[in-house]
């Protein structure tokens, strides 16, 4: 799922159903968020996404170039969260 196609509420909601419903069986969820959107990046980090890298000057925006941050969340990271477990909805 790309941040270009879905907002943070959609992505974090999907993670909430990681172990049940349609997301069951996923090993990894990845997304991209642009540098001009730090609030959304913070939402993803609070849920557990980890910065995996930055594509420098990946998007032409206004009069310049913007970096794209690539983030990921593994099923094992999600299950290890203290407020989530393998059976949490």
PDB file of N, CA and C in Angstrom:
ATOM      1  N   UNK A   1       0.856  -1.169   0.000  1.00  0.00           N
ATOM      2  CA  UNK A   1       0.000   0.000   0.000  1.00  0.00           C
ATOM      3  C   UNK A   1       0.895   1.222   0.000  1.00  0.00           C
ATOM      4  N   UNK A   2       0.628   2.142  -0.821  1.00  0.00           N
ATOM      5  CA  UNK A   2       1.429   3.339  -0.956  1.00  0.00           C
ATOM      6  C   UNK A   2       0.727   4.512  -0.300  1.00  0.00           C
ATOM      7  N   UNK A   3       1.517   5.372   0.332  1.00  0.00           N
ATOM      8  CA  UNK A   3       0.945   6.578   0.934  1.00  0.00           C
ATOM      9  C   UNK A   3       0.328   7.465  -0.131  1.00  0.00           C
ATOM     10  N   UNK A   4       0.728   7.274  -1.389  1.00  0.00           N
ATOM     11  CA  UNK A   4       0.153   8.050  -2.485  1.00  0.00           C
ATOM     12  C   UNK A   4      -1.303   7.651  -2.719  1.00  0.00           C
ATOM     13  N   UNK A   5      -1.662   6.439  -2.388  1.00  0.00           N
ATOM     14  CA  UNK A   5      -3.002   5.932  -2.654  1.00  0.00           C
ATOM     15  C   UNK A   5      -3.866   5.825  -1.406  1.00  0.00           C
ATOM     16  N   UNK A   6      -3.259   5.872  -0.255  1.00  0.00           N
ATOM     17  CA  UNK A   6      -4.029   5.715   0.974  1.00  0.00           C
ATOM     18  C   UNK A   6      -3.456   6.604   2.060  1.00  0.00           C
ATOM     19  N   UNK A   7      -4.328   7.183   2.839  1.00  0.00           N
ATOM     20  CA  UNK A   7      -3.881   8.045   3.926  1.00  0.00           C
ATOM     21  C   UNK A   7      -3.483   7.237   5.145  1.00  0.00           C
ATOM     22  N   UNK A   8      -2.972   7.920   6.172  1.00  0.00           N
ATOM     23  CA  UNK A   8      -2.514   7.211   7.366  1.00  0.00           C
ATOM     24  C   UNK A   8      -3.607   6.442   8.077  1.00  0.00           C
ATOM     25  N   UNK A   9      -4.831   6.949   8.054  1.00  0.00           N
ATOM     26  CA  UNK A   9      -5.917   6.227   8.731  1.00  0.00           C
ATOM     27  C   UNK A   9      -6.184   4.892   8.044  1.00  0.00           C
ATOM     28  N   UNK A  10      -6.113   4.865   6.732  1.00  0.00           N
ATOM     29  CA  UNK A  10      -6.332   3.621   5.992  1.00  0.00           C
ATOM     30  C   UNK A  10      -5.232   2.624   6.293  1.00  0.00           C
ATOM     31  N   UNK A  11      -3.994   3.074   6.256  1.00  0.00           N
ATOM     32  CA  UNK A  11      -2.864   2.183   6.488  1.00  0.00           C
ATOM     33  C   UNK A  11      -2.838   1.690   7.921  1.00  0.00           C
ATOM     34  N   UNK A  12      -3.014   2.575   8.891  1.00  0.00           N
ATOM     35  CA  UNK A  12      -2.975   2.148  10.286  1.00  0.00           C
ATOM     36  C   UNK A  12      -4.162   1.263  10.621  1.00  0.00           C
ATOM     37  N   UNK A  13      -5.311   1.517   9.996  1.00  0.00           N
ATOM     38  CA  UNK A  13      -6.472   0.646  10.195  1.00  0.00           C
ATOM     39  C   UNK A  13      -6.201  -0.755   9.687  1.00  0.00           C
ATOM     40  N   UNK A  14      -5.506  -0.847   8.568  1.00  0.00           N
ATOM     41  CA  UNK A  14      -5.139  -2.160   8.034  1.00  0.00           C
ATOM     42  C   UNK A  14      -4.227  -2.891   8.994  1.00  0.00           C
ATOM     43  N   UNK A  15      -3.312  -2.164   9.626  1.00  0.00           N
ATOM     44  CA  UNK A  15      -2.404  -2.797  10.582  1.00  0.00           C
ATOM     45  C   UNK A  15      -3.154  -3.278  11.813  1.00  0.00           C
ATOM     46  N   UNK A  16      -4.218  -2.569  12.175  1.00  0.00           N
ATOM     47  CA  UNK A  16      -5.011  -2.988  13.318  1.00  0.00           C
ATOM     48  C   UNK A  16      -5.661  -4.350  13.105  1.00  0.00           C
ATOM     49  N   UNK A  17      -5.849  -4.713  11.838  1.00  0.00           N
ATOM     50  CA  UNK A  17      -6.445  -6.010  11.518  1.00  0.00           C
ATOM     51  C   UNK A  17      -5.384  -6.990  11.034  1.00  0.00           C
ATOM     52  N   UNK A  18      -4.135  -6.751  11.384  1.00  0.00           N
ATOM     53  CA  UNK A  18      -3.005  -7.538  10.869  1.00  0.00           C
ATOM     54  C   UNK A  18      -3.228  -9.033  11.058  1.00  0.00           C
ATOM     55  N   UNK A  19      -3.626  -9.437  12.246  1.00  0.00           N
ATOM     56  CA  UNK A  19      -3.691 -10.871  12.539  1.00  0.00           C
ATOM     57  C   UNK A  19      -5.071 -11.466  12.295  1.00  0.00           C
ATOM     58  N   UNK A  20      -6.036 -10.654  11.911  1.00  0.00           N
ATOM     59  CA  UNK A  20      -7.366 -11.172  11.607  1.00  0.00           C
ATOM     60  C   UNK A  20      -7.875 -10.515  10.337  1.00  0.00           C
ATOM     61  N   UNK A  21      -8.800 -11.105   9.703  1.00  0.00           N
ATOM     62  CA  UNK A  21      -9.384 -10.508   8.510  1.00  0.00           C
ATOM     63  C   UNK A  21      -8.465 -10.594   7.306  1.00  0.00           C
ATOM     64  N   UNK A  22      -8.619  -9.652   6.366  1.00  0.00           N
ATOM     65  CA  UNK A  22      -7.905  -9.735   5.109  1.00  0.00           C
ATOM     66  C   UNK A  22      -6.398  -9.622   5.234  1.00  0.00           C
ATOM     67  N   UNK A  23      -5.882  -9.012   6.297  1.00  0.00           N
ATOM     68  CA  UNK A  23      -4.439  -8.829   6.438  1.00  0.00           C
ATOM     69  C   UNK A  23      -3.742 -10.071   7.006  1.00  0.00           C
ATOM     70  N   UNK A  24      -4.508 -11.078   7.425  1.00  0.00           N
ATOM     71  CA  UNK A  24      -3.904 -12.281   8.002  1.00  0.00           C
ATOM     72  C   UNK A  24      -2.965 -12.934   6.995  1.00  0.00           C
ATOM     73  N   UNK A  25      -1.822 -13.341   7.472  1.00  0.00           N
ATOM     74  CA  UNK A  25      -0.870 -14.019   6.621  1.00  0.00           C
ATOM     75  C   UNK A  25       0.150 -13.106   5.961  1.00  0.00           C
ATOM     76  N   UNK A  26       0.005 -11.795   6.104  1.00  0.00           N
ATOM     77  CA  UNK A  26       0.997 -10.883   5.538  1.00  0.00           C
ATOM     78  C   UNK A  26       2.284 -10.932   6.342  1.00  0.00           C
ATOM     79  N   UNK A  27       3.380 -10.840   5.664  1.00  0.00           N
ATOM     80  CA  UNK A  27       4.682 -10.809   6.336  1.00  0.00           C
ATOM     81  C   UNK A  27       5.188  -9.384   6.489  1.00  0.00           C
ATOM     82  N   UNK A  28       4.871  -8.539   5.517  1.00  0.00           N
ATOM     83  CA  UNK A  28       5.421  -7.190   5.510  1.00  0.00           C
ATOM     84  C   UNK A  28       4.437  -6.232   4.854  1.00  0.00           C
ATOM     85  N   UNK A  29       4.348  -5.019   5.415  1.00  0.00           N
ATOM     86  CA  UNK A  29       3.589  -3.931   4.814  1.00  0.00           C
ATOM     87  C   UNK A  29       4.568  -2.788   4.588  1.00  0.00           C
ATOM     88  N   UNK A  30       4.586  -2.243   3.388  1.00  0.00           N
ATOM     89  CA  UNK A  30       5.484  -1.140   3.071  1.00  0.00           C
ATOM     90  C   UNK A  30       4.700   0.056   2.570  1.00  0.00           C
ATOM     91  N   UNK A  31       5.306   1.229   2.693  1.00  0.00           N
ATOM     92  CA  UNK A  31       4.672   2.448   2.220  1.00  0.00           C
ATOM     93  C   UNK A  31       5.723   3.500   1.923  1.00  0.00           C
ATOM     94  N   UNK A  32       5.282   4.547   1.264  1.00  0.00           N
ATOM     95  CA  UNK A  32       6.137   5.691   0.974  1.00  0.00           C
ATOM     96  C   UNK A  32       5.445   6.947   1.479  1.00  0.00           C
ATOM     97  N   UNK A  33       6.215   7.874   2.037  1.00  0.00           N
ATOM     98  CA  UNK A  33       5.670   9.156   2.488  1.00  0.00           C
ATOM     99  C   UNK A  33       6.679  10.234   2.100  1.00  0.00           C
ATOM    100  N   UNK A  34       6.178  11.344   1.589  1.00  0.00           N
ATOM    101  CA  UNK A  34       7.062  12.402   1.121  1.00  0.00           C
ATOM    102  C   UNK A  34       7.479  13.332   2.250  1.00  0.00           C
ATOM    103  N   UNK A  35       8.639  13.938   2.088  1.00  0.00           N
ATOM    104  CA  UNK A  35       9.234  14.773   3.136  1.00  0.00           C
ATOM    105  C   UNK A  35       8.376  15.983   3.494  1.00  0.00           C
ATOM    106  N   UNK A  36       7.514  16.432   2.596  1.00  0.00           N
ATOM    107  CA  UNK A  36       6.666  17.583   2.922  1.00  0.00           C
ATOM    108  C   UNK A  36       5.485  17.200   3.807  1.00  0.00           C
ATOM    109  N   UNK A  37       5.423  15.941   4.239  1.00  0.00           N
ATOM    110  CA  UNK A  37       4.314  15.459   5.053  1.00  0.00           C
ATOM    111  C   UNK A  37       4.806  14.816   6.359  1.00  0.00           C
ATOM    112  N   UNK A  38       5.478  15.572   7.221  1.00  0.00           N
ATOM    113  CA  UNK A  38       6.050  14.981   8.444  1.00  0.00           C
ATOM    114  C   UNK A  38       5.006  14.477   9.440  1.00  0.00           C
ATOM    115  N   UNK A  39       3.833  15.060   9.455  1.00  0.00           N
ATOM    116  CA  UNK A  39       2.797  14.607  10.401  1.00  0.00           C
ATOM    117  C   UNK A  39       2.341  13.192  10.070  1.00  0.00           C
ATOM    118  N   UNK A  40       2.176  12.915   8.799  1.00  0.00           N
ATOM    119  CA  UNK A  40       1.780  11.565   8.400  1.00  0.00           C
ATOM    120  C   UNK A  40       2.880  10.575   8.724  1.00  0.00           C
ATOM    121  N   UNK A  41       4.125  10.951   8.481  1.00  0.00           N
ATOM    122  CA  UNK A  41       5.240  10.059   8.812  1.00  0.00           C
ATOM    123  C   UNK A  41       5.221   9.730  10.304  1.00  0.00           C
ATOM    124  N   UNK A  42       4.938  10.718  11.127  1.00  0.00           N
ATOM    125  CA  UNK A  42       4.897  10.496  12.579  1.00  0.00           C
ATOM    126  C   UNK A  42       3.780   9.512  12.952  1.00  0.00           C
ATOM    127  N   UNK A  43       2.640   9.591  12.303  1.00  0.00           N
ATOM    128  CA  UNK A  43       1.549   8.641  12.562  1.00  0.00           C
ATOM    129  C   UNK A  43       2.021   7.223  12.259  1.00  0.00           C
ATOM    130  N   UNK A  44       2.677   7.041  11.105  1.00  0.00           N
ATOM    131  CA  UNK A  44       3.184   5.725  10.744  1.00  0.00           C
ATOM    132  C   UNK A  44       4.198   5.219  11.766  1.00  0.00           C
ATOM    133  N   UNK A  45       5.080   6.101  12.240  1.00  0.00           N
ATOM    134  CA  UNK A  45       6.077   5.702  13.236  1.00  0.00           C
ATOM    135  C   UNK A  45       5.414   5.285  14.547  1.00  0.00           C
ATOM    136  N   UNK A  46       4.369   5.997  14.955  1.00  0.00           N
ATOM    137  CA  UNK A  46       3.667   5.647  16.194  1.00  0.00           C
ATOM    138  C   UNK A  46       3.039   4.263  16.117  1.00  0.00           C
ATOM    139  N   UNK A  47       2.593   3.883  14.932  1.00  0.00           N
ATOM    140  CA  UNK A  47       1.994   2.561  14.741  1.00  0.00           C
ATOM    141  C   UNK A  47       3.062   1.468  14.740  1.00  0.00           C
ATOM    142  N   UNK A  48       4.291   1.832  14.367  1.00  0.00           N
ATOM    143  CA  UNK A  48       5.361   0.841  14.367  1.00  0.00           C
ATOM    144  C   UNK A  48       6.168   0.752  13.092  1.00  0.00           C
ATOM    145  N   UNK A  49       5.822   1.529  12.073  1.00  0.00           N
ATOM    146  CA  UNK A  49       6.600   1.511  10.838  1.00  0.00           C
ATOM    147  C   UNK A  49       8.003   2.043  11.102  1.00  0.00           C
ATOM    148  N   UNK A  50       8.970   1.482  10.388  1.00  0.00           N
ATOM    149  CA  UNK A  50      10.376   1.841  10.546  1.00  0.00           C
ATOM    150  C   UNK A  50      10.874   2.446   9.235  1.00  0.00           C
ATOM    151  N   UNK A  51      11.660   3.512   9.350  1.00  0.00           N
ATOM    152  CA  UNK A  51      12.257   4.111   8.162  1.00  0.00           C
ATOM    153  C   UNK A  51      13.292   3.144   7.604  1.00  0.00           C
ATOM    154  N   UNK A  52      13.109   2.754   6.354  1.00  0.00           N
ATOM    155  CA  UNK A  52      14.024   1.805   5.713  1.00  0.00           C
ATOM    156  C   UNK A  52      14.972   2.497   4.754  1.00  0.00           C
ATOM    157  N   UNK A  53      14.638   3.695   4.356  1.00  0.00           N
ATOM    158  CA  UNK A  53      15.515   4.421   3.443  1.00  0.00           C
ATOM    159  C   UNK A  53      14.845   5.663   2.911  1.00  0.00           C
ATOM    160  N   UNK A  54      15.631   6.463   2.218  1.00  0.00           N
ATOM    161  CA  UNK A  54      15.128   7.689   1.623  1.00  0.00           C
ATOM    162  C   UNK A  54      15.548   7.753   0.167  1.00  0.00           C
ATOM    163  N   UNK A  55      14.588   7.957  -0.683  1.00  0.00           N
ATOM    164  CA  UNK A  55      14.872   8.184  -2.096  1.00  0.00           C
ATOM    165  C   UNK A  55      15.002   9.694  -2.252  1.00  0.00           C
ATOM    166  N   UNK A  56      16.224  10.133  -2.448  1.00  0.00           N
ATOM    167  CA  UNK A  56      16.472  11.568  -2.505  1.00  0.00           C
ATOM    168  C   UNK A  56      15.923  12.175  -3.792  1.00  0.00           C
ATOM    169  N   UNK A  57      15.292  13.332  -3.620  1.00  0.00           N
ATOM    170  CA  UNK A  57      14.737  14.083  -4.738  1.00  0.00           C
ATOM    171  C   UNK A  57      13.935  13.195  -5.693  1.00  0.00           C
ATOM    172  N   UNK A  58      13.005  12.460  -5.126  1.00  0.00           N
ATOM    173  CA  UNK A  58      12.222  11.482  -5.889  1.00  0.00           C
ATOM    174  C   UNK A  58      10.988  12.069  -6.561  1.00  0.00           C
ATOM    175  N   UNK A  59      10.542  13.227  -6.108  1.00  0.00           N
ATOM    176  CA  UNK A  59       9.309  13.809  -6.628  1.00  0.00           C
ATOM    177  C   UNK A  59       9.536  15.270  -6.985  1.00  0.00           C
ATOM    178  N   UNK A  60       9.146  15.623  -8.176  1.00  0.00           N
ATOM    179  CA  UNK A  60       9.177  17.041  -8.572  1.00  0.00           C
ATOM    180  C   UNK A  60       7.929  17.675  -7.986  1.00  0.00           C
ATOM    181  N   UNK A  61       8.104  18.676  -7.139  1.00  0.00           N
ATOM    182  CA  UNK A  61       6.982  19.287  -6.438  1.00  0.00           C
ATOM    183  C   UNK A  61       7.188  20.797  -6.397  1.00  0.00           C
ATOM    184  N   UNK A  62       6.207  21.521  -6.840  1.00  0.00           N
ATOM    185  CA  UNK A  62       6.281  22.984  -6.915  1.00  0.00           C
ATOM    186  C   UNK A  62       7.511  23.372  -7.746  1.00  0.00           C
ATOM    187  N   UNK A  63       8.432  24.099  -7.140  1.00  0.00           N
ATOM    188  CA  UNK A  63       9.619  24.554  -7.873  1.00  0.00           C
ATOM    189  C   UNK A  63      10.867  23.767  -7.538  1.00  0.00           C
ATOM    190  N   UNK A  64      10.716  22.601  -6.938  1.00  0.00           N
ATOM    191  CA  UNK A  64      11.899  21.837  -6.552  1.00  0.00           C
ATOM    192  C   UNK A  64      11.627  20.349  -6.484  1.00  0.00           C
ATOM    193  N   UNK A  65      12.543  19.670  -5.831  1.00  0.00           N
ATOM    194  CA  UNK A  65      12.469  18.220  -5.676  1.00  0.00           C
ATOM    195  C   UNK A  65      12.268  17.868  -4.206  1.00  0.00           C
ATOM    196  N   UNK A  66      11.540  16.782  -3.955  1.00  0.00           N
ATOM    197  CA  UNK A  66      11.217  16.359  -2.592  1.00  0.00           C
ATOM    198  C   UNK A  66      11.669  14.918  -2.387  1.00  0.00           C
ATOM    199  N   UNK A  67      12.195  14.641  -1.197  1.00  0.00           N
ATOM    200  CA  UNK A  67      12.606  13.285  -0.846  1.00  0.00           C
ATOM    201  C   UNK A  67      11.388  12.415  -0.547  1.00  0.00           C
ATOM    202  N   UNK A  68      11.540  11.121  -0.794  1.00  0.00           N
ATOM    203  CA  UNK A  68      10.496  10.143  -0.503  1.00  0.00           C
ATOM    204  C   UNK A  68      11.045   9.156   0.531  1.00  0.00           C
ATOM    205  N   UNK A  69      10.380   9.047   1.667  1.00  0.00           N
ATOM    206  CA  UNK A  69      10.804   8.131   2.725  1.00  0.00           C
ATOM    207  C   UNK A  69      10.085   6.794   2.558  1.00  0.00           C
ATOM    208  N   UNK A  70      10.858   5.716   2.536  1.00  0.00           N
ATOM    209  CA  UNK A  70      10.320   4.363   2.409  1.00  0.00           C
ATOM    210  C   UNK A  70      10.265   3.760   3.809  1.00  0.00           C
ATOM    211  N   UNK A  71       9.089   3.248   4.186  1.00  0.00           N
ATOM    212  CA  UNK A  71       8.900   2.701   5.528  1.00  0.00           C
ATOM    213  C   UNK A  71       8.329   1.293   5.425  1.00  0.00           C
ATOM    214  N   UNK A  72       8.583   0.487   6.436  1.00  0.00           N
ATOM    215  CA  UNK A  72       8.069  -0.866   6.450  1.00  0.00           C
ATOM    216  C   UNK A  72       7.709  -1.329   7.846  1.00  0.00           C
ATOM    217  N   UNK A  73       6.860  -2.325   7.904  1.00  0.00           N
ATOM    218  CA  UNK A  73       6.442  -2.928   9.162  1.00  0.00           C
ATOM    219  C   UNK A  73       6.337  -4.433   8.945  1.00  0.00           C
ATOM    220  N   UNK A  74       7.062  -5.197   9.745  1.00  0.00           N
ATOM    221  CA  UNK A  74       7.039  -6.656   9.652  1.00  0.00           C
ATOM    222  C   UNK A  74       6.014  -7.229  10.629  1.00  0.00           C
ATOM    223  N   UNK A  75       5.474  -8.370  10.298  1.00  0.00           N
ATOM    224  CA  UNK A  75       4.507  -9.028  11.179  1.00  0.00           C
ATOM    225  C   UNK A  75       5.119  -9.289  12.555  1.00  0.00           C
ATOM    226  N   UNK A  76       6.398  -9.647  12.591  1.00  0.00           N
ATOM    227  CA  UNK A  76       7.053  -9.920  13.876  1.00  0.00           C
ATOM    228  C   UNK A  76       7.188  -8.652  14.718  1.00  0.00           C
ATOM    229  N   UNK A  77       7.412  -7.509  14.076  1.00  0.00           N
ATOM    230  CA  UNK A  77       7.460  -6.232  14.802  1.00  0.00           C
ATOM    231  C   UNK A  77       6.098  -5.897  15.387  1.00  0.00           C
ATOM    232  N   UNK A  78       5.054  -6.127  14.580  1.00  0.00           N
ATOM    233  CA  UNK A  78       3.690  -5.828  15.019  1.00  0.00           C
ATOM    234  C   UNK A  78       3.294  -6.710  16.206  1.00  0.00           C
ATOM    235  N   UNK A  79       3.607  -7.996  16.126  1.00  0.00           N
ATOM    236  CA  UNK A  79       3.244  -8.930  17.197  1.00  0.00           C
ATOM    237  C   UNK A  79       4.018  -8.656  18.479  1.00  0.00           C
ATOM    238  N   UNK A  80       5.226  -8.098  18.363  1.00  0.00           N
ATOM    239  CA  UNK A  80       6.066  -7.843  19.534  1.00  0.00           C
ATOM    240  C   UNK A  80       5.685  -6.563  20.275  1.00  0.00           C
ATOM    241  N   UNK A  81       4.827  -5.745  19.696  1.00  0.00           N
ATOM    242  CA  UNK A  81       4.429  -4.503  20.379  1.00  0.00           C
ATOM    243  C   UNK A  81       3.737  -4.853  21.688  1.00  0.00           C
ATOM    244  N   UNK A  82       4.015  -4.099  22.760  1.00  0.00           N
ATOM    245  CA  UNK A  82       3.393  -4.408  24.054  1.00  0.00           C
ATOM    246  C   UNK A  82       1.866  -4.239  24.044  1.00  0.00           C
ATOM    247  N   UNK A  83       1.355  -3.348  23.208  1.00  0.00           N
ATOM    248  CA  UNK A  83      -0.102  -3.120  23.182  1.00  0.00           C
ATOM    249  C   UNK A  83      -0.797  -3.986  22.128  1.00  0.00           C
ATOM    250  N   UNK A  84      -0.037  -4.813  21.409  1.00  0.00           N
ATOM    251  CA  UNK A  84      -0.612  -5.693  20.391  1.00  0.00           C
ATOM    252  C   UNK A  84      -0.068  -7.091  20.608  1.00  0.00           C
ATOM    253  N   UNK A  85      -0.821  -8.047  20.212  1.00  0.00           N
ATOM    254  CA  UNK A  85      -0.356  -9.418  20.267  1.00  0.00           C
ATOM    255  C   UNK A  85      -0.874 -10.174  19.066  1.00  0.00           C
ATOM    256  N   UNK A  86      -0.506 -11.405  18.935  1.00  0.00           N
ATOM    257  CA  UNK A  86      -0.933 -12.170  17.782  1.00  0.00           C
ATOM    258  C   UNK A  86      -2.442 -12.317  17.653  1.00  0.00           C
ATOM    259  N   UNK A  87      -3.180 -12.150  18.772  1.00  0.00           N
ATOM    260  CA  UNK A  87      -4.637 -12.320  18.711  1.00  0.00           C
ATOM    261  C   UNK A  87      -5.390 -11.014  18.819  1.00  0.00           C
ATOM    262  N   UNK A  88      -4.675  -9.864  18.855  1.00  0.00           N
ATOM    263  CA  UNK A  88      -5.352  -8.576  18.980  1.00  0.00           C
ATOM    264  C   UNK A  88      -6.007  -8.184  17.662  1.00  0.00           C
ATOM    265  N   UNK A  89      -7.204  -7.566  17.728  1.00  0.00           N
ATOM    266  CA  UNK A  89      -7.869  -7.120  16.486  1.00  0.00           C
ATOM    267  C   UNK A  89      -7.204  -5.887  15.925  1.00  0.00           C
TER     268      UNK A  89
END
